[in-house]
Amino acid sequence: MMRGPKGTAMAVRLPSGEIETEYKDTKPWRDKCRLFRLPLIRGIVGFAESLVTGYGYLMESAEKSTQGLPQEEEELSKVDRWLNDHLGEKMMHAIGFLAAILGFGLAFFLFMWLPTFLVDVVTGGTLLKFHALFEGLIRVVIFVLYMVLVSLMKDIRRVFMYHGAEHKSIFCYEHGLPLTVENVRKQKRFHPRCGTSFMFVMILLSILLSSALVLIFPGLAEINRILWILLKLLILPVVMGIGYEFIRYAGRHDNLLVKILAAPGLWMQRITTKEPTDDIIEVGIASLQAVLDEQAPAAAEEAPAKPAASSENAETEEQAQQPLSGETETVQEAAEAPDAPEKPEST
């Protein structure tokens, strides 16, 4: 999936082997309200938009990828057949909603509650001044281990190959090369505006911000743990906003400080991206090309604007110059600045 300034494209490999592309003209949330384009706020809005858009396309691509497959009706039980005939679409939406709720619940447990619990168990409630720091370090370890374990799953590994194809396709375009499998294959798969980098930056920022709050307001170290977790949830939007601005800045600058600060996120992409096969690269090219084909006429009508590409888990500069869309990037420009660069982004 690739997102441009004016719309989003999706490419899916059908069971028949053909690649189906679909482009949707979608008005970015930032264009619906001037407030949504302000620094910090645009990062929060972009993150929310990426989640909603990414989830919708994920469900749609899953449906398309099974089109044409023979359905073994005789192997379905009577209950399965009834559910399939009467509650098919509704059931899919219900299951998807339930999966999203469970996903948020798992994220809350792993990255909010568990680190706090483990620090309290290990320290016995001492070292209150450094509680937030140790808690953050445990969160980093949990995040890395989680991604490593998930990457061992066959289906997820293939998803990460598509992630790598997105980055490679965008790099190929940014370097001004023809979008061919051979050219794309030669590109790097680690992109500074990736959603993985954004997630890692958010974790590091949450460590710094929560530690700073405890140092400035020592009483926070002794508050009830439930209140402490709620406080972390309240500062999460601030972390999103700052993280987006950093990813956005990193995508446009290449100085030493940016390289040092962006390095952890790029290292994480060694886990969340894999070298794609040629057939997967073809899908990445098709998605990017769909965005470029729709973007070209608009660019010709307006002032000569030169398109540029950037990479959403995603994700996703799908988000670095626009809101952080899937793959990851950041959100829109400041209220006065030109909205989003004319660059496709991976989500």
Protein backbone atom coordinates (compact mmCIF):
# COMPACT_ATOMS: atom_id res chain seq x y z
CA MET A 1 0.00 0.00 0.00
CA MET A 2 1.30 3.43 -0.97
CA ARG A 3 -0.10 6.81 -0.11
CA GLY A 4 0.36 9.98 -2.09
CA PRO A 5 -0.67 13.56 -1.31
CA LYS A 6 -4.14 13.13 -2.80
CA GLY A 7 -4.93 9.44 -2.48
CA THR A 8 -3.90 5.91 -1.64
CA ALA A 9 -3.08 2.92 -3.83
CA MET A 10 -3.14 -0.76 -3.01
CA ALA A 11 -1.71 -3.64 -5.02
CA VAL A 12 -2.65 -7.25 -4.32
CA ARG A 13 -1.37 -10.47 -5.85
CA LEU A 14 -4.48 -12.51 -6.67
CA PRO A 15 -4.59 -16.32 -6.48
CA SER A 16 -4.50 -16.32 -10.30
CA GLY A 17 -1.05 -14.71 -10.18
CA GLU A 18 -2.23 -11.36 -11.55
CA ILE A 19 -1.63 -8.11 -9.69
CA GLU A 20 -4.73 -6.02 -9.04
CA THR A 21 -4.23 -2.35 -8.21
CA GLU A 22 -6.77 0.06 -6.82
CA TYR A 23 -6.41 3.80 -6.31
CA LYS A 24 -8.71 5.81 -4.07
CA ASP A 25 -8.93 9.58 -3.99
CA THR A 26 -9.03 10.28 -0.29
CA LYS A 27 -8.93 13.67 1.32
CA PRO A 28 -6.26 13.60 4.05
CA TRP A 29 -7.57 14.35 7.52
CA ARG A 30 -5.16 17.27 7.71
CA ASP A 31 -7.09 18.98 4.90
CA LYS A 32 -10.38 18.72 6.77
CA CYS A 33 -9.33 21.08 9.54
CA ARG A 34 -6.56 23.67 9.61
CA LEU A 35 -5.89 22.76 13.23
CA PHE A 36 -4.89 19.26 12.14
CA ARG A 37 -1.91 20.70 10.26
CA LEU A 38 -0.24 22.34 13.24
CA PRO A 39 3.02 20.88 14.61
CA LEU A 40 2.53 18.13 17.21
CA ILE A 41 -1.20 17.91 16.47
CA ARG A 42 -0.51 16.75 12.92
CA GLY A 43 1.49 13.82 14.27
CA ILE A 44 -1.40 12.61 16.42
CA VAL A 45 -3.89 13.03 13.58
CA GLY A 46 -1.58 11.31 11.12
CA PHE A 47 -1.07 8.35 13.42
CA ALA A 48 -4.81 7.89 13.90
CA GLU A 49 -5.42 8.23 10.16
CA SER A 50 -2.75 5.63 9.43
CA LEU A 51 -4.34 3.14 11.81
CA VAL A 52 -7.81 3.58 10.31
CA THR A 53 -6.64 3.54 6.69
CA GLY A 54 -4.19 0.71 7.19
CA TYR A 55 -6.75 -1.49 8.91
CA GLY A 56 -9.29 -0.91 6.16
CA TYR A 57 -6.84 -1.81 3.41
CA LEU A 58 -5.60 -4.81 5.36
CA MET A 59 -9.10 -6.27 5.52
CA GLU A 60 -9.73 -5.47 1.86
CA SER A 61 -6.46 -7.02 0.69
CA ALA A 62 -7.13 -10.15 2.72
CA GLU A 63 -10.50 -10.48 1.00
CA LYS A 64 -9.06 -9.93 -2.48
CA SER A 65 -6.21 -12.37 -1.94
CA THR A 66 -8.72 -15.20 -1.50
CA GLN A 67 -10.89 -14.33 -4.51
CA GLY A 68 -11.23 -17.20 -6.93
CA LEU A 69 -10.24 -19.87 -4.46
CA PRO A 70 -12.59 -22.87 -4.56
CA GLN A 71 -14.72 -23.04 -1.46
CA GLU A 72 -15.08 -26.57 -0.17
CA GLU A 73 -18.75 -26.27 0.74
CA GLU A 74 -19.00 -29.98 1.44
CA GLU A 75 -16.40 -29.69 4.16
CA LEU A 76 -18.25 -26.95 5.99
CA SER A 77 -20.33 -27.96 8.94
CA LYS A 78 -23.97 -26.91 9.02
CA VAL A 79 -23.15 -24.17 11.52
CA ASP A 80 -20.23 -22.92 9.43
CA ARG A 81 -22.39 -22.90 6.31
CA TRP A 82 -25.18 -20.98 8.04
CA LEU A 83 -22.74 -18.39 9.41
CA ASN A 84 -21.09 -18.05 6.03
CA ASP A 85 -24.41 -17.57 4.20
CA HIS A 86 -26.19 -15.30 6.68
CA LEU A 87 -23.50 -13.48 8.62
CA GLY A 88 -20.57 -13.52 6.21
CA GLU A 89 -19.74 -9.82 5.91
CA LYS A 90 -21.09 -8.86 9.32
CA MET A 91 -19.16 -11.67 10.93
CA MET A 92 -15.94 -10.56 9.24
CA HIS A 93 -16.41 -7.01 10.54
CA ALA A 94 -17.20 -8.32 14.02
CA ILE A 95 -14.15 -10.57 14.03
CA GLY A 96 -11.99 -7.73 12.74
CA PHE A 97 -13.27 -5.36 15.44
CA LEU A 98 -12.68 -7.99 18.13
CA ALA A 99 -9.17 -8.61 16.81
CA ALA A 100 -8.45 -4.87 16.98
CA ILE A 101 -9.68 -4.69 20.58
CA LEU A 102 -7.56 -7.69 21.53
CA GLY A 103 -4.58 -6.14 19.75
CA PHE A 104 -4.89 -2.90 21.71
CA GLY A 105 -5.34 -4.91 24.89
CA LEU A 106 -2.19 -6.91 24.21
CA ALA A 107 -0.23 -3.74 23.46
CA PHE A 108 -1.44 -2.17 26.71
CA PHE A 109 -0.47 -5.27 28.68
CA LEU A 110 2.99 -5.67 27.12
CA PHE A 111 4.10 -2.05 26.89
CA MET A 112 2.22 -0.30 29.69
CA TRP A 113 1.32 -2.64 32.53
CA LEU A 114 4.01 -5.34 32.33
CA PRO A 115 7.07 -3.01 32.49
CA THR A 116 5.62 -1.24 35.54
CA PHE A 117 4.84 -4.55 37.23
CA LEU A 118 8.29 -6.04 36.54
CA VAL A 119 10.15 -3.00 37.87
CA ASP A 120 8.10 -3.06 41.08
CA VAL A 121 8.75 -6.79 41.51
CA VAL A 122 12.50 -6.55 40.86
CA THR A 123 13.16 -3.41 42.91
CA GLY A 124 10.62 -4.03 45.64
CA GLY A 125 9.38 -0.47 45.25
CA THR A 126 12.81 1.10 45.82
CA LEU A 127 14.78 3.24 43.36
CA LEU A 128 11.65 5.33 42.86
CA LYS A 129 13.59 8.16 41.26
CA PHE A 130 14.80 5.87 38.47
CA HIS A 131 11.61 3.84 38.17
CA ALA A 132 10.61 5.45 34.87
CA LEU A 133 14.06 4.85 33.37
CA PHE A 134 14.17 1.15 34.25
CA GLU A 135 10.58 0.77 33.15
CA GLY A 136 11.43 2.28 29.78
CA LEU A 137 14.43 0.02 29.29
CA ILE A 138 12.27 -3.03 29.99
CA ARG A 139 9.76 -1.72 27.47
CA VAL A 140 12.49 -1.54 24.83
CA VAL A 141 13.54 -5.14 25.56
CA ILE A 142 9.93 -6.36 25.38
CA PHE A 143 9.38 -4.50 22.10
CA VAL A 144 12.49 -5.95 20.46
CA LEU A 145 11.76 -9.49 21.69
CA TYR A 146 8.16 -9.22 20.53
CA MET A 147 9.20 -8.16 17.03
CA VAL A 148 11.85 -10.90 16.83
CA LEU A 149 9.37 -13.61 17.86
CA VAL A 150 6.68 -12.32 15.51
CA SER A 151 9.16 -12.25 12.62
CA LEU A 152 9.67 -16.01 13.01
CA MET A 153 6.09 -16.66 11.87
CA LYS A 154 5.96 -17.64 8.20
CA ASP A 155 3.06 -15.34 7.26
CA ILE A 156 4.50 -12.37 9.14
CA ARG A 157 7.89 -12.91 7.53
CA ARG A 158 6.17 -12.57 4.15
CA VAL A 159 4.50 -9.36 5.33
CA PHE A 160 7.95 -8.04 6.28
CA MET A 161 9.14 -8.93 2.76
CA TYR A 162 6.39 -6.71 1.36
CA HIS A 163 7.54 -4.03 3.81
CA GLY A 164 11.04 -4.31 2.37
CA ALA A 165 9.67 -4.10 -1.18
CA GLU A 166 7.86 -0.85 -0.30
CA HIS A 167 11.05 0.75 0.96
CA LYS A 168 13.13 -0.45 -1.99
CA SER A 169 10.56 0.78 -4.51
CA ILE A 170 10.45 4.21 -2.92
CA PHE A 171 14.24 4.47 -2.78
CA CYS A 172 14.39 3.53 -6.46
CA TYR A 173 11.93 6.30 -7.30
CA GLU A 174 13.73 8.84 -5.12
CA HIS A 175 16.99 8.05 -6.92
CA GLY A 176 15.33 8.80 -10.25
CA LEU A 177 15.68 5.27 -11.61
CA PRO A 178 13.12 3.42 -13.75
CA LEU A 179 10.85 1.26 -11.62
CA THR A 180 12.07 -2.15 -12.72
CA VAL A 181 12.54 -5.27 -10.63
CA GLU A 182 16.28 -5.17 -11.26
CA ASN A 183 16.64 -1.53 -10.16
CA VAL A 184 14.42 -1.95 -7.11
CA ARG A 185 16.24 -5.09 -6.00
CA LYS A 186 19.51 -3.12 -5.71
CA GLN A 187 18.08 -0.56 -3.27
CA LYS A 188 18.36 -0.52 0.52
CA ARG A 189 15.42 -1.77 2.52
CA PHE A 190 15.99 0.55 5.52
CA HIS A 191 14.14 3.85 5.20
CA PRO A 192 14.44 6.75 7.71
CA ARG A 193 10.74 7.59 7.48
CA CYS A 194 9.52 4.12 8.27
CA GLY A 195 6.78 3.43 10.80
CA THR A 196 9.13 1.07 12.65
CA SER A 197 11.46 3.99 13.29
CA PHE A 198 8.51 6.04 14.50
CA MET A 199 7.45 3.35 16.98
CA PHE A 200 10.97 3.02 18.34
CA VAL A 201 11.36 6.79 18.61
CA MET A 202 8.07 6.91 20.52
CA ILE A 203 9.37 4.38 23.05
CA LEU A 204 12.61 6.30 23.56
CA LEU A 205 10.75 9.60 23.88
CA SER A 206 8.36 8.11 26.43
CA ILE A 207 11.38 7.07 28.52
CA LEU A 208 12.86 10.56 28.40
CA LEU A 209 9.57 12.35 29.03
CA SER A 210 8.41 10.16 31.92
CA SER A 211 11.88 10.28 33.51
CA ALA A 212 11.92 14.07 33.20
CA LEU A 213 8.48 14.34 34.80
CA VAL A 214 9.61 12.26 37.78
CA LEU A 215 12.72 14.41 38.24
CA ILE A 216 10.70 17.64 38.00
CA PHE A 217 7.82 16.34 40.14
CA PRO A 218 9.35 13.78 42.56
CA GLY A 219 5.93 13.03 44.02
CA LEU A 220 4.97 11.21 40.82
CA ALA A 221 7.34 8.39 41.74
CA GLU A 222 5.17 7.51 44.72
CA ILE A 223 1.71 7.71 43.21
CA ASN A 224 -0.54 4.69 42.82
CA ARG A 225 0.61 2.50 39.93
CA ILE A 226 -2.77 2.65 38.24
CA LEU A 227 -2.56 6.45 38.25
CA TRP A 228 1.00 6.19 36.93
CA ILE A 229 -0.16 4.07 33.99
CA LEU A 230 -3.00 6.51 33.31
CA LEU A 231 -0.47 9.36 33.33
CA LYS A 232 1.61 7.53 30.73
CA LEU A 233 -1.48 7.14 28.57
CA LEU A 234 -2.17 10.87 28.88
CA ILE A 235 1.32 11.84 27.69
CA LEU A 236 1.17 9.36 24.81
CA PRO A 237 -0.32 11.92 22.36
CA VAL A 238 2.53 14.31 23.22
CA VAL A 239 5.02 11.54 22.51
CA MET A 240 3.31 10.84 19.17
CA GLY A 241 3.46 14.49 18.19
CA ILE A 242 7.14 14.92 19.06
CA GLY A 243 8.03 11.58 17.48
CA TYR A 244 6.34 12.57 14.24
CA GLU A 245 8.20 15.87 14.08
CA PHE A 246 11.51 14.08 14.60
CA ILE A 247 10.82 11.48 11.91
CA ARG A 248 9.75 14.26 9.59
CA TYR A 249 12.95 16.17 10.30
CA ALA A 250 15.10 13.05 9.93
CA GLY A 251 13.58 12.37 6.53
CA ARG A 252 14.77 15.77 5.27
CA HIS A 253 18.18 16.08 6.91
CA ASP A 254 21.27 13.91 6.91
CA ASN A 255 23.53 15.42 9.56
CA LEU A 256 25.46 13.45 12.19
CA LEU A 257 22.97 14.10 15.00
CA VAL A 258 20.07 12.82 12.90
CA LYS A 259 22.05 9.71 11.95
CA ILE A 260 22.78 8.95 15.61
CA LEU A 261 19.20 9.50 16.77
CA ALA A 262 17.71 7.61 13.82
CA ALA A 263 20.08 4.64 14.10
CA PRO A 264 17.98 2.58 16.59
CA GLY A 265 14.93 2.76 14.33
CA LEU A 266 16.98 1.73 11.30
CA TRP A 267 18.42 -1.19 13.27
CA MET A 268 14.90 -2.31 14.12
CA GLN A 269 14.10 -2.43 10.42
CA ARG A 270 16.52 -5.35 10.16
CA ILE A 271 13.75 -7.22 11.95
CA THR A 272 10.64 -5.63 10.43
CA THR A 273 11.82 -5.74 6.81
CA LYS A 274 13.11 -8.74 4.88
CA GLU A 275 14.68 -9.04 1.45
CA PRO A 276 11.74 -9.44 -0.96
CA THR A 277 11.52 -11.91 -3.79
CA ASP A 278 11.02 -10.64 -7.34
CA ASP A 279 7.29 -11.42 -7.32
CA ILE A 280 6.86 -9.35 -4.17
CA ILE A 281 8.92 -6.52 -5.65
CA GLU A 282 6.52 -6.49 -8.60
CA VAL A 283 3.63 -5.83 -6.21
CA GLY A 284 5.53 -2.99 -4.54
CA ILE A 285 6.26 -1.42 -7.93
CA ALA A 286 2.62 -1.75 -9.01
CA SER A 287 1.40 0.02 -5.89
CA LEU A 288 3.88 2.87 -6.22
CA GLN A 289 3.24 3.22 -9.94
CA ALA A 290 -0.50 3.52 -9.30
CA VAL A 291 0.16 6.52 -7.04
CA LEU A 292 2.52 8.11 -9.55
CA ASP A 293 0.09 7.62 -12.44
CA GLU A 294 -2.66 9.42 -10.51
CA GLN A 295 -0.30 12.07 -9.19
CA ALA A 296 1.20 13.05 -12.55
CA PRO A 297 -1.91 14.73 -14.07
CA ALA A 298 -2.49 16.76 -10.90
CA ALA A 299 1.14 17.85 -10.85
CA ALA A 300 0.92 18.94 -14.49
CA GLU A 301 -2.11 21.13 -13.82
CA GLU A 302 -0.57 22.84 -10.83
CA ALA A 303 2.71 24.68 -10.61
CA PRO A 304 5.64 22.48 -11.61
CA ALA A 305 5.93 20.44 -8.49
CA LYS A 306 8.39 17.62 -8.47
CA PRO A 307 7.20 14.45 -6.82
CA ALA A 308 9.33 12.68 -4.37
CA ALA A 309 8.85 9.42 -2.64
CA SER A 310 9.28 8.38 0.88
CA SER A 311 8.32 5.49 3.03
CA GLU A 312 4.05 3.43 6.85
CA ASN A 313 3.73 -0.67 10.82
CA ALA A 314 3.65 0.41 9.37
CA GLU A 315 4.87 2.54 7.99
CA THR A 316 3.20 4.77 6.69
CA GLU A 317 6.91 9.22 2.84
CA GLU A 318 3.86 7.82 3.74
CA GLN A 319 4.25 9.52 6.95
CA ALA A 320 7.39 11.23 7.15
CA GLN A 321 6.29 13.99 5.00
CA GLN A 322 2.81 13.44 5.53
CA PRO A 323 1.34 12.07 8.55
CA LEU A 324 2.78 8.99 9.68
CA SER A 325 0.95 6.56 7.61
CA GLY A 326 1.47 3.07 7.96
CA GLU A 327 4.82 2.52 7.24
CA THR A 328 5.74 5.19 8.96
CA GLU A 329 6.60 8.54 8.58
CA THR A 330 5.38 11.69 9.98
CA VAL A 331 2.51 13.96 9.48
CA GLN A 332 1.66 17.05 7.54
CA GLU A 333 3.38 20.35 7.32
CA ALA A 334 2.71 23.25 9.59
CA ALA A 335 -0.45 25.20 9.00
CA GLU A 336 1.24 27.66 6.66
CA ALA A 337 3.62 25.23 5.03
CA PRO A 338 2.70 23.35 1.90
CA ASP A 339 0.65 20.41 2.97
CA ALA A 340 2.53 17.27 2.21
CA PRO A 341 5.32 16.77 -0.19
CA GLU A 342 4.29 15.39 -3.49
CA LYS A 343 5.80 12.07 -2.51
CA PRO A 344 4.25 8.66 -2.33
CA GLU A 345 4.70 6.87 0.95
CA SER A 346 4.49 3.29 2.02
CA THR A 347 1.93 2.35 4.63
